[in-house]
Amino acid sequence: MKVLKIDKQGWSQGIENLFDSYRIFGPVKDKDVHDFKHIVKGERPDFEFQNTRLSPKSIIYPQSEVMLEYSLDENVPDHHIMKETAKNYSPRLVVGIRPCDAKSFLLVKKNFDTSEYKDPYWLRPYEATTFIGLACHMPCSTCFCTTAGCGPFHEEGLDLLLVDAGDDYLVKIITSKGENLLKAAGWISNSHDQDAIIKMIETLKIEAENRVITSVETNKLKDKVTAELFEASFWEEVAFACINCGTCTFSCPTCWCFDIQDEIRGKSGIRMRNWDSCMFPLFTLHGSGHNPRSDKLQRVRQRFMHKLKYYVDRFDNGIQCVGCGRCIRLCPVNIDIRRVCDMMNRYGD
């Protein structure tokens, strides 16, 4: 493991050096919240936040994305033939991403990169991206990452991990992609005491993990009988307050559902995909008019069963959640995934 220390002035200059090689995205304050934005020369990411309002998943997986375009004009060459829309897959850098959000891309990757199918619209931008994580010293009160397979200093999905140490940043190099970025930025360590840096990072990590005050238990989910959980009596209570607004799914870094539609103006058309939500009544509407999830209870149940049971059974690598707590903080009717997970994990005991 290689680590180094970079003073913050040198860090700022390194970011400036990267603008010619990367499209850079980072957290920017907008009124009272932070969100990830495209940063241009002269701008800097703002690291004074606990977590961004929305995850940076839209950098890889846009909320709306044109995939194909076509013409119905018979006077145009190749009319009635769909062609892939030109995309910019040049190197990009996401800086200041929290470890939970970086880990979420690995969970989502299981959907877009399978042995049967590989989604080029997701994989190409993901593979073109370098991720610099920002360790989380002060988790939010709704965070439960340490019991959701993650943590404030988690490294999975990152190329570099950045730790704020006052006047300096401590940097842990995780991948060769991260090491190449360090060279491109011109970041040079002002300390060669590797052991001291490692010890400092470990101390700060333990302190941050101890600040995560909530948790979930997931140890029994795998062994639960799916049909029994599906028919559990508590779903009516869980769904009672839900207004099907979709805030939970749109703010969730691990939700991946989308819809595909064509839009035509005159004789020009595009085929695009847009984020969709299992909370929406039209999500499962069939062409015949039948809707297998016409009731609110069915939709709420689907969301939690998918994240906490179907995903668990299919992939056997934990739950489809990284414990960022966004759905808890943003839900207008205070539905809490921690409580639902506990009900599912204890069901039948």
Protein backbone atom coordinates (compact mmCIF):
# COMPACT_ATOMS: atom_id res chain seq x y z
CA MET A 1 0.00 0.00 0.00
CA LYS A 2 1.35 3.39 -1.00
CA VAL A 3 0.36 6.62 0.74
CA LEU A 4 1.49 10.21 0.57
CA LYS A 5 0.80 13.63 2.03
CA ILE A 6 -0.08 16.62 -0.14
CA ASP A 7 -0.37 20.15 1.23
CA LYS A 8 -3.62 21.83 0.26
CA GLN A 9 -1.96 24.49 -1.86
CA GLY A 10 -0.27 21.78 -3.91
CA TRP A 11 -3.58 19.94 -4.13
CA SER A 12 -5.29 22.99 -5.63
CA GLN A 13 -2.53 23.42 -8.21
CA GLY A 14 -2.77 19.73 -9.11
CA ILE A 15 -6.48 20.09 -9.88
CA GLU A 16 -5.61 22.98 -12.18
CA ASN A 17 -3.07 20.76 -13.97
CA LEU A 18 -5.73 18.14 -14.68
CA PHE A 19 -8.20 20.30 -16.61
CA ASP A 20 -6.41 19.70 -19.91
CA SER A 21 -6.57 15.91 -19.49
CA TYR A 22 -9.89 15.29 -17.77
CA ARG A 23 -13.43 16.54 -17.58
CA ILE A 24 -13.73 17.14 -13.85
CA PHE A 25 -16.82 16.72 -11.68
CA GLY A 26 -17.02 17.56 -8.01
CA PRO A 27 -19.30 18.75 -5.20
CA VAL A 28 -20.47 22.35 -5.54
CA LYS A 29 -22.68 24.24 -3.11
CA ASP A 30 -26.00 25.43 -4.50
CA LYS A 31 -27.95 27.44 -1.93
CA ASP A 32 -28.17 25.14 1.10
CA VAL A 33 -27.09 21.85 -0.48
CA HIS A 34 -24.15 20.33 -2.33
CA ASP A 35 -24.46 18.43 -5.59
CA PHE A 36 -21.98 17.14 -8.15
CA LYS A 37 -21.42 19.47 -11.09
CA HIS A 38 -19.09 19.77 -14.05
CA ILE A 39 -16.22 21.99 -12.90
CA VAL A 40 -14.36 24.26 -15.31
CA LYS A 41 -11.01 26.00 -15.06
CA GLY A 42 -10.91 28.51 -12.26
CA GLU A 43 -13.45 26.59 -10.17
CA ARG A 44 -12.73 24.19 -7.34
CA PRO A 45 -14.81 21.48 -5.71
CA ASP A 46 -16.21 22.44 -2.32
CA PHE A 47 -15.42 19.83 0.33
CA GLU A 48 -17.32 21.55 3.15
CA PHE A 49 -20.22 19.09 3.25
CA GLN A 50 -21.35 15.91 4.98
CA ASN A 51 -22.84 14.37 1.87
CA THR A 52 -24.31 15.66 -1.37
CA ARG A 53 -28.07 15.85 -1.77
CA LEU A 54 -27.95 13.47 -4.74
CA SER A 55 -25.31 10.89 -5.49
CA PRO A 56 -23.01 11.38 -8.49
CA LYS A 57 -24.58 8.42 -10.34
CA SER A 58 -25.87 10.77 -13.05
CA ILE A 59 -22.28 11.44 -14.16
CA ILE A 60 -22.13 7.84 -15.40
CA TYR A 61 -25.83 7.22 -15.87
CA PRO A 62 -27.64 10.45 -16.87
CA GLN A 63 -31.21 11.00 -15.78
CA SER A 64 -32.12 11.37 -19.46
CA GLU A 65 -29.87 10.05 -22.22
CA VAL A 66 -30.32 9.93 -25.99
CA MET A 67 -29.09 6.59 -27.29
CA LEU A 68 -30.16 6.46 -30.94
CA GLU A 69 -31.33 8.90 -33.57
CA TYR A 70 -33.08 8.42 -36.90
CA SER A 71 -34.82 10.18 -39.77
CA LEU A 72 -38.14 9.30 -41.39
CA ASP A 73 -37.38 11.55 -44.37
CA GLU A 74 -36.94 9.34 -47.40
CA ASN A 75 -34.84 12.03 -49.07
CA VAL A 76 -32.16 11.62 -46.39
CA PRO A 77 -29.50 8.88 -46.74
CA ASP A 78 -30.00 5.95 -44.38
CA HIS A 79 -33.53 7.03 -43.56
CA HIS A 80 -35.49 4.75 -41.20
CA ILE A 81 -32.21 3.42 -39.78
CA MET A 82 -31.34 4.02 -36.17
CA LYS A 83 -27.81 5.25 -35.54
CA GLU A 84 -25.99 5.55 -32.26
CA THR A 85 -25.80 9.12 -31.03
CA ALA A 86 -22.28 10.53 -30.75
CA LYS A 87 -20.96 10.45 -27.18
CA ASN A 88 -18.01 11.95 -25.36
CA TYR A 89 -16.16 9.15 -23.58
CA SER A 90 -12.98 11.11 -23.00
CA PRO A 91 -11.32 10.66 -19.58
CA ARG A 92 -13.29 12.14 -16.73
CA LEU A 93 -12.54 12.62 -13.07
CA VAL A 94 -14.96 12.50 -10.15
CA VAL A 95 -13.32 14.17 -7.18
CA GLY A 96 -14.68 14.30 -3.65
CA ILE A 97 -16.99 11.31 -3.96
CA ARG A 98 -17.90 9.74 -0.63
CA PRO A 99 -16.87 6.08 -0.18
CA CYS A 100 -20.51 4.95 0.01
CA ASP A 101 -21.25 6.47 -3.40
CA ALA A 102 -18.14 4.92 -4.93
CA LYS A 103 -19.16 1.50 -3.60
CA SER A 104 -22.65 1.98 -5.07
CA PHE A 105 -21.25 1.92 -8.62
CA LEU A 106 -20.01 -1.62 -8.02
CA LEU A 107 -23.48 -2.73 -6.98
CA VAL A 108 -25.05 -1.06 -10.02
CA LYS A 109 -22.39 -2.61 -12.26
CA LYS A 110 -23.85 -6.01 -11.49
CA ASN A 111 -26.93 -4.96 -13.42
CA PHE A 112 -25.21 -3.31 -16.39
CA ASP A 113 -22.27 -5.71 -16.77
CA THR A 114 -23.44 -9.31 -16.70
CA SER A 115 -22.25 -12.49 -18.39
CA GLU A 116 -25.25 -12.29 -20.74
CA TYR A 117 -25.32 -8.57 -21.48
CA LYS A 118 -23.06 -5.57 -21.21
CA ASP A 119 -24.64 -2.13 -21.40
CA PRO A 120 -22.23 0.09 -23.39
CA TYR A 121 -24.00 3.29 -22.39
CA TRP A 122 -23.15 2.62 -18.75
CA LEU A 123 -19.85 0.78 -19.10
CA ARG A 124 -18.06 3.20 -21.42
CA PRO A 125 -18.38 6.27 -19.19
CA TYR A 126 -17.68 4.21 -16.08
CA GLU A 127 -14.48 2.80 -17.52
CA ALA A 128 -13.40 6.29 -18.63
CA THR A 129 -13.77 7.67 -15.10
CA THR A 130 -11.23 7.99 -12.30
CA PHE A 131 -12.68 8.28 -8.79
CA ILE A 132 -11.02 10.28 -6.02
CA GLY A 133 -12.81 9.52 -2.79
CA LEU A 134 -13.14 11.93 0.12
CA ALA A 135 -13.10 10.11 3.45
CA CYS A 136 -16.08 10.92 5.63
CA HIS A 137 -15.03 12.24 9.05
CA MET A 138 -18.50 13.29 10.24
CA PRO A 139 -21.20 10.89 8.96
CA CYS A 140 -24.79 12.09 8.91
CA SER A 141 -27.13 10.99 11.69
CA THR A 142 -28.99 8.79 9.19
CA CYS A 143 -25.90 7.01 7.87
CA PHE A 144 -25.60 3.29 8.54
CA CYS A 145 -22.81 2.46 6.10
CA THR A 146 -20.72 0.36 8.50
CA THR A 147 -23.47 -2.30 8.66
CA ALA A 148 -24.31 -2.07 4.94
CA GLY A 149 -21.01 -3.40 3.64
CA CYS A 150 -19.34 -0.01 3.51
CA GLY A 151 -17.80 2.64 5.77
CA PRO A 152 -16.55 6.25 6.03
CA PHE A 153 -13.07 5.27 4.73
CA HIS A 154 -14.16 2.39 2.46
CA GLU A 155 -11.96 1.87 -0.59
CA GLU A 156 -13.93 -0.35 -3.00
CA GLY A 157 -14.69 1.47 -6.24
CA LEU A 158 -12.08 4.17 -5.64
CA ASP A 159 -8.79 4.88 -7.38
CA LEU A 160 -7.54 7.26 -4.68
CA LEU A 161 -8.78 7.92 -1.16
CA LEU A 162 -8.33 11.47 0.12
CA VAL A 163 -8.25 12.10 3.87
CA ASP A 164 -8.48 15.64 5.22
CA ALA A 165 -5.77 16.17 7.85
CA GLY A 166 -5.96 19.90 8.46
CA ASP A 167 -3.31 21.65 6.38
CA ASP A 168 -2.71 18.55 4.27
CA TYR A 169 -4.50 15.76 2.48
CA LEU A 170 -3.40 12.21 3.16
CA VAL A 171 -3.73 10.15 0.00
CA LYS A 172 -4.01 6.39 -0.27
CA ILE A 173 -3.24 5.03 -3.74
CA ILE A 174 -5.63 2.17 -4.52
CA THR A 175 -5.29 1.48 -8.26
CA SER A 176 -2.87 2.08 -11.11
CA LYS A 177 -5.43 4.47 -12.59
CA GLY A 178 -5.13 6.52 -9.41
CA GLU A 179 -1.35 6.45 -9.55
CA ASN A 180 -1.40 7.69 -13.14
CA LEU A 181 -3.65 10.56 -12.12
CA LEU A 182 -1.22 11.57 -9.37
CA LYS A 183 1.54 11.84 -11.94
CA ALA A 184 -0.64 13.84 -14.33
CA ALA A 185 -1.51 16.27 -11.52
CA GLY A 186 2.10 16.62 -10.46
CA TRP A 187 1.26 15.82 -6.86
CA ILE A 188 4.43 15.05 -4.96
CA SER A 189 4.52 13.96 -1.35
CA ASN A 190 6.16 16.29 1.13
CA SER A 191 6.61 13.40 3.53
CA HIS A 192 8.25 10.02 3.09
CA ASP A 193 7.19 8.59 6.45
CA GLN A 194 4.78 6.00 5.08
CA ASP A 195 4.19 4.30 8.43
CA ALA A 196 3.22 7.54 10.14
CA ILE A 197 0.74 8.42 7.37
CA ILE A 198 -0.78 4.94 7.46
CA LYS A 199 -1.15 5.12 11.23
CA MET A 200 -2.80 8.56 11.01
CA ILE A 201 -5.27 7.34 8.38
CA GLU A 202 -6.13 4.31 10.48
CA THR A 203 -6.70 6.46 13.58
CA LEU A 204 -9.00 8.83 11.70
CA LYS A 205 -10.84 5.86 10.18
CA ILE A 206 -11.62 4.33 13.56
CA GLU A 207 -12.80 7.69 14.90
CA ALA A 208 -15.12 8.16 11.90
CA GLU A 209 -16.56 4.65 12.16
CA ASN A 210 -17.32 5.24 15.83
CA ARG A 211 -19.39 8.28 14.83
CA VAL A 212 -21.80 6.14 12.79
CA ILE A 213 -24.57 5.87 15.37
CA THR A 214 -27.21 3.79 13.56
CA SER A 215 -27.12 0.31 12.09
CA VAL A 216 -29.07 -2.42 10.33
CA GLU A 217 -29.08 -6.17 10.84
CA THR A 218 -29.10 -8.20 7.64
CA ASN A 219 -27.75 -11.54 8.83
CA LYS A 220 -31.05 -13.45 8.46
CA LEU A 221 -32.32 -12.04 5.16
CA LYS A 222 -30.70 -14.72 3.02
CA ASP A 223 -32.44 -17.53 4.91
CA LYS A 224 -35.92 -16.01 4.84
CA VAL A 225 -38.47 -17.71 2.58
CA THR A 226 -39.21 -15.22 -0.18
CA ALA A 227 -42.91 -16.08 -0.47
CA GLU A 228 -43.39 -15.68 3.28
CA LEU A 229 -41.73 -12.25 3.33
CA PHE A 230 -43.81 -11.27 0.30
CA GLU A 231 -47.01 -12.06 2.17
CA ALA A 232 -45.91 -10.54 5.50
CA SER A 233 -48.58 -8.55 7.33
CA PHE A 234 -46.35 -5.53 7.97
CA TRP A 235 -46.36 -4.27 4.37
CA GLU A 236 -49.65 -2.44 4.82
CA GLU A 237 -48.16 -0.52 7.76
CA VAL A 238 -44.96 0.26 5.82
CA ALA A 239 -46.83 1.50 2.75
CA PHE A 240 -49.54 3.47 4.57
CA ALA A 241 -47.81 6.88 4.49
CA CYS A 242 -46.12 6.53 1.07
CA ILE A 243 -47.23 9.03 -1.57
CA ASN A 244 -45.34 7.35 -4.43
CA CYS A 245 -43.28 10.49 -5.14
CA GLY A 246 -40.18 8.49 -6.15
CA THR A 247 -37.80 10.61 -4.07
CA CYS A 248 -36.30 7.48 -2.48
CA THR A 249 -35.39 5.90 -5.81
CA PHE A 250 -34.15 9.05 -7.52
CA SER A 251 -31.91 9.92 -4.57
CA CYS A 252 -30.66 6.36 -4.13
CA PRO A 253 -27.18 5.71 -5.59
CA THR A 254 -27.97 2.02 -6.22
CA CYS A 255 -31.33 2.33 -8.00
CA TRP A 256 -30.88 1.56 -11.69
CA CYS A 257 -34.36 1.29 -13.27
CA PHE A 258 -35.06 3.12 -16.51
CA ASP A 259 -37.65 3.45 -19.25
CA ILE A 260 -37.02 3.74 -23.00
CA GLN A 261 -39.13 5.91 -25.26
CA ASP A 262 -39.07 7.44 -28.73
CA GLU A 263 -39.61 11.13 -29.34
CA ILE A 264 -40.36 12.41 -32.83
CA ARG A 265 -40.54 15.96 -34.13
CA GLY A 266 -41.46 16.25 -37.75
CA LYS A 267 -39.45 13.54 -39.47
CA SER A 268 -36.58 13.46 -36.97
CA GLY A 269 -36.62 11.06 -34.05
CA ILE A 270 -34.58 9.93 -31.09
CA ARG A 271 -34.67 6.93 -28.81
CA MET A 272 -33.80 7.81 -25.23
CA ARG A 273 -33.79 6.29 -21.80
CA ASN A 274 -34.84 8.02 -18.61
CA TRP A 275 -34.63 7.10 -14.97
CA ASP A 276 -37.79 5.39 -13.84
CA SER A 277 -39.07 4.32 -10.45
CA CYS A 278 -40.85 1.27 -9.11
CA MET A 279 -42.80 3.78 -7.00
CA PHE A 280 -44.64 5.13 -10.05
CA PRO A 281 -48.03 3.61 -11.00
CA LEU A 282 -47.07 3.44 -14.69
CA PHE A 283 -43.81 1.58 -14.05
CA THR A 284 -45.33 -1.88 -14.58
CA LEU A 285 -48.27 -0.97 -16.76
CA HIS A 286 -48.57 -3.52 -19.60
CA GLY A 287 -49.54 -2.69 -23.16
CA SER A 288 -52.71 -4.69 -22.56
CA GLY A 289 -53.73 -2.27 -19.83
CA HIS A 290 -53.07 -4.74 -17.02
CA ASN A 291 -50.90 -3.52 -14.16
CA PRO A 292 -49.49 -6.22 -11.83
CA ARG A 293 -48.59 -3.54 -9.26
CA SER A 294 -51.61 -1.28 -9.41
CA ASP A 295 -51.70 -0.76 -5.63
CA LYS A 296 -49.35 1.39 -3.59
CA LEU A 297 -48.62 -1.47 -1.20
CA GLN A 298 -47.39 -3.63 -4.07
CA ARG A 299 -44.99 -0.93 -5.26
CA VAL A 300 -43.58 -0.18 -1.83
CA ARG A 301 -43.09 -3.87 -1.18
CA GLN A 302 -41.29 -4.30 -4.48
CA ARG A 303 -38.74 -1.62 -3.63
CA PHE A 304 -37.77 -3.11 -0.30
CA MET A 305 -37.97 -6.74 -1.45
CA HIS A 306 -35.67 -5.96 -4.37
CA LYS A 307 -33.05 -4.20 -2.27
CA LEU A 308 -33.18 -6.43 0.79
CA LYS A 309 -34.20 -9.86 -0.52
CA TYR A 310 -34.15 -10.40 -4.29
CA TYR A 311 -30.69 -8.80 -4.65
CA VAL A 312 -29.42 -10.74 -1.63
CA ASP A 313 -30.63 -14.05 -3.07
CA ARG A 314 -29.32 -13.40 -6.58
CA PHE A 315 -25.85 -12.04 -5.85
CA ASP A 316 -25.12 -13.20 -2.30
CA ASN A 317 -22.89 -10.20 -1.58
CA GLY A 318 -24.96 -8.21 0.87
CA ILE A 319 -27.91 -5.87 0.37
CA GLN A 320 -28.48 -3.48 -2.53
CA CYS A 321 -27.77 -0.52 -0.29
CA VAL A 322 -24.63 1.26 0.92
CA GLY A 323 -26.16 2.98 3.94
CA CYS A 324 -25.88 6.58 2.70
CA GLY A 325 -29.20 7.46 4.38
CA ARG A 326 -30.44 9.76 1.61
CA CYS A 327 -33.82 8.05 1.29
CA ILE A 328 -34.33 8.51 5.03
CA ARG A 329 -33.38 12.18 5.04
CA LEU A 330 -35.36 13.09 1.93
CA CYS A 331 -38.54 11.03 2.32
CA PRO A 332 -41.38 13.52 2.88
CA VAL A 333 -43.36 11.01 4.99
CA ASN A 334 -40.45 9.60 7.04
CA ILE A 335 -40.35 6.03 5.75
CA ASP A 336 -37.12 4.54 7.10
CA ILE A 337 -35.32 1.71 5.30
CA ARG A 338 -33.53 0.80 8.55
CA ARG A 339 -36.84 0.03 10.22
CA VAL A 340 -38.11 -1.97 7.24
CA CYS A 341 -34.87 -3.94 7.07
CA ASP A 342 -35.21 -4.77 10.75
CA MET A 343 -38.80 -5.95 10.25
CA MET A 344 -37.75 -8.17 7.36
CA ASN A 345 -34.70 -9.53 9.15
CA ARG A 346 -36.72 -10.43 12.29
CA TYR A 347 -39.82 -11.70 10.47
CA GLY A 348 -40.93 -15.11 11.71
CA ASP A 349 -38.58 -15.19 14.70
